[in-house]
């Protein structure tokens, strides 16, 4: 394969990836407020469930709809903090 064909294939591939990312939908997950109750780098995610009781959260946020998940699930992976002004 000559150099021009390789370059063309590379450019088409890069363009396809760029178009794929540009067509991605905007985030619909609510953001956490930037206040004293929601620290920037929270280490212990279980403190979220002190105010946000497991019974009040959607089923996919808890285990069996009753208990907070254990392990590395952290609320701020999906719920990003609001941006500072």
C-alpha atoms as a PDB file:
ATOM      1  CA  UNK A   1       0.000   0.000   0.000  1.00  0.00           C
ATOM      2  CA  UNK A   2       1.420   3.345  -0.895  1.00  0.00           C
ATOM      3  CA  UNK A   3       1.802   6.287   1.473  1.00  0.00           C
ATOM      4  CA  UNK A   4      -1.157   8.301   0.069  1.00  0.00           C
ATOM      5  CA  UNK A   5      -3.616   5.456   0.680  1.00  0.00           C
ATOM      6  CA  UNK A   6      -2.339   4.972   4.234  1.00  0.00           C
ATOM      7  CA  UNK A   7      -2.704   8.702   4.913  1.00  0.00           C
ATOM      8  CA  UNK A   8      -6.233   8.747   3.486  1.00  0.00           C
ATOM      9  CA  UNK A   9      -7.280   5.754   5.617  1.00  0.00           C
ATOM     10  CA  UNK A  10      -5.781   7.386   8.711  1.00  0.00           C
ATOM     11  CA  UNK A  11      -7.611  10.689   8.071  1.00  0.00           C
ATOM     12  CA  UNK A  12     -10.927   8.927   7.459  1.00  0.00           C
ATOM     13  CA  UNK A  13     -10.483   6.950  10.695  1.00  0.00           C
ATOM     14  CA  UNK A  14      -9.641  10.073  12.706  1.00  0.00           C
ATOM     15  CA  UNK A  15     -12.594  11.922  11.191  1.00  0.00           C
ATOM     16  CA  UNK A  16     -14.941   9.052  12.109  1.00  0.00           C
ATOM     17  CA  UNK A  17     -13.754   9.099  15.724  1.00  0.00           C
ATOM     18  CA  UNK A  18     -14.122  12.887  15.914  1.00  0.00           C
ATOM     19  CA  UNK A  19     -17.659  12.765  14.491  1.00  0.00           C
ATOM     20  CA  UNK A  20     -18.551   9.980  16.936  1.00  0.00           C
ATOM     21  CA  UNK A  21     -17.492  12.115  19.920  1.00  0.00           C
ATOM     22  CA  UNK A  22     -19.154  15.277  18.595  1.00  0.00           C
ATOM     23  CA  UNK A  23     -22.474  13.431  18.263  1.00  0.00           C
ATOM     24  CA  UNK A  24     -22.450  12.287  21.915  1.00  0.00           C
ATOM     25  CA  UNK A  25     -25.410  13.565  23.951  1.00  0.00           C
ATOM     26  CA  UNK A  26     -24.951  16.064  26.744  1.00  0.00           C
ATOM     27  CA  UNK A  27     -24.770  14.807  30.297  1.00  0.00           C
ATOM     28  CA  UNK A  28     -28.181  14.476  31.953  1.00  0.00           C
ATOM     29  CA  UNK A  29     -26.971  13.561  35.428  1.00  0.00           C
ATOM     30  CA  UNK A  30     -27.739  16.314  37.959  1.00  0.00           C
ATOM     31  CA  UNK A  31     -24.683  18.103  39.299  1.00  0.00           C
ATOM     32  CA  UNK A  32     -23.861  18.340  42.999  1.00  0.00           C
ATOM     33  CA  UNK A  33     -23.915  21.855  44.444  1.00  0.00           C
ATOM     34  CA  UNK A  34     -20.558  23.342  45.315  1.00  0.00           C
ATOM     35  CA  UNK A  35     -21.094  23.936  49.021  1.00  0.00           C
ATOM     36  CA  UNK A  36     -19.835  22.769  52.413  1.00  0.00           C
ATOM     37  CA  UNK A  37     -21.978  19.612  52.336  1.00  0.00           C
ATOM     38  CA  UNK A  38     -20.495  18.401  49.042  1.00  0.00           C
ATOM     39  CA  UNK A  39     -16.686  18.690  49.315  1.00  0.00           C
ATOM     40  CA  UNK A  40     -14.527  18.714  46.198  1.00  0.00           C
ATOM     41  CA  UNK A  41     -12.517  15.576  46.950  1.00  0.00           C
ATOM     42  CA  UNK A  42     -14.700  13.472  49.164  1.00  0.00           C
ATOM     43  CA  UNK A  43     -12.998  10.266  50.281  1.00  0.00           C
ATOM     44  CA  UNK A  44     -15.889   8.596  52.112  1.00  0.00           C
ATOM     45  CA  UNK A  45     -18.879   8.311  49.793  1.00  0.00           C
ATOM     46  CA  UNK A  46     -20.997   6.717  52.524  1.00  0.00           C
ATOM     47  CA  UNK A  47     -21.516  10.188  53.991  1.00  0.00           C
ATOM     48  CA  UNK A  48     -23.786  10.863  50.995  1.00  0.00           C
ATOM     49  CA  UNK A  49     -26.322   8.474  52.504  1.00  0.00           C
ATOM     50  CA  UNK A  50     -26.544  10.478  55.728  1.00  0.00           C
ATOM     51  CA  UNK A  51     -28.603  13.144  53.926  1.00  0.00           C
ATOM     52  CA  UNK A  52     -29.714  11.173  50.863  1.00  0.00           C
ATOM     53  CA  UNK A  53     -31.443   8.210  52.459  1.00  0.00           C
ATOM     54  CA  UNK A  54     -31.314   4.983  50.410  1.00  0.00           C
ATOM     55  CA  UNK A  55     -35.130   4.728  50.479  1.00  0.00           C
ATOM     56  CA  UNK A  56     -35.418   8.049  48.624  1.00  0.00           C
ATOM     57  CA  UNK A  57     -32.947   7.177  45.836  1.00  0.00           C
ATOM     58  CA  UNK A  58     -33.682   5.404  42.539  1.00  0.00           C
ATOM     59  CA  UNK A  59     -33.339   1.610  42.562  1.00  0.00           C
ATOM     60  CA  UNK A  60     -30.125   1.650  40.510  1.00  0.00           C
ATOM     61  CA  UNK A  61     -28.418   3.713  43.247  1.00  0.00           C
ATOM     62  CA  UNK A  62     -28.873   1.126  46.009  1.00  0.00           C
ATOM     63  CA  UNK A  63     -28.601  -2.605  46.583  1.00  0.00           C
ATOM     64  CA  UNK A  64     -32.063  -4.210  46.782  1.00  0.00           C
ATOM     65  CA  UNK A  65     -33.546  -0.689  46.960  1.00  0.00           C
ATOM     66  CA  UNK A  66     -32.621  -0.474  50.630  1.00  0.00           C
ATOM     67  CA  UNK A  67     -28.906  -0.346  51.330  1.00  0.00           C
ATOM     68  CA  UNK A  68     -26.075   1.770  49.917  1.00  0.00           C
ATOM     69  CA  UNK A  69     -23.630  -0.053  47.643  1.00  0.00           C
ATOM     70  CA  UNK A  70     -20.307  -1.234  48.999  1.00  0.00           C
ATOM     71  CA  UNK A  71     -16.997  -0.977  47.218  1.00  0.00           C
ATOM     72  CA  UNK A  72     -15.696   1.689  44.874  1.00  0.00           C
ATOM     73  CA  UNK A  73     -18.977   3.228  43.663  1.00  0.00           C
ATOM     74  CA  UNK A  74     -18.752   6.898  44.432  1.00  0.00           C
ATOM     75  CA  UNK A  75     -21.558   9.366  43.852  1.00  0.00           C
ATOM     76  CA  UNK A  76     -19.247  11.962  42.310  1.00  0.00           C
ATOM     77  CA  UNK A  77     -18.210   9.635  39.467  1.00  0.00           C
ATOM     78  CA  UNK A  78     -21.571  10.392  37.818  1.00  0.00           C
ATOM     79  CA  UNK A  79     -22.722  13.466  39.752  1.00  0.00           C
ATOM     80  CA  UNK A  80     -19.994  16.029  39.050  1.00  0.00           C
ATOM     81  CA  UNK A  81     -19.700  19.190  41.118  1.00  0.00           C
ATOM     82  CA  UNK A  82     -21.048  22.443  39.704  1.00  0.00           C
ATOM     83  CA  UNK A  83     -18.393  24.632  38.145  1.00  0.00           C
ATOM     84  CA  UNK A  84     -16.979  27.532  40.111  1.00  0.00           C
ATOM     85  CA  UNK A  85     -17.814  31.026  38.875  1.00  0.00           C
END
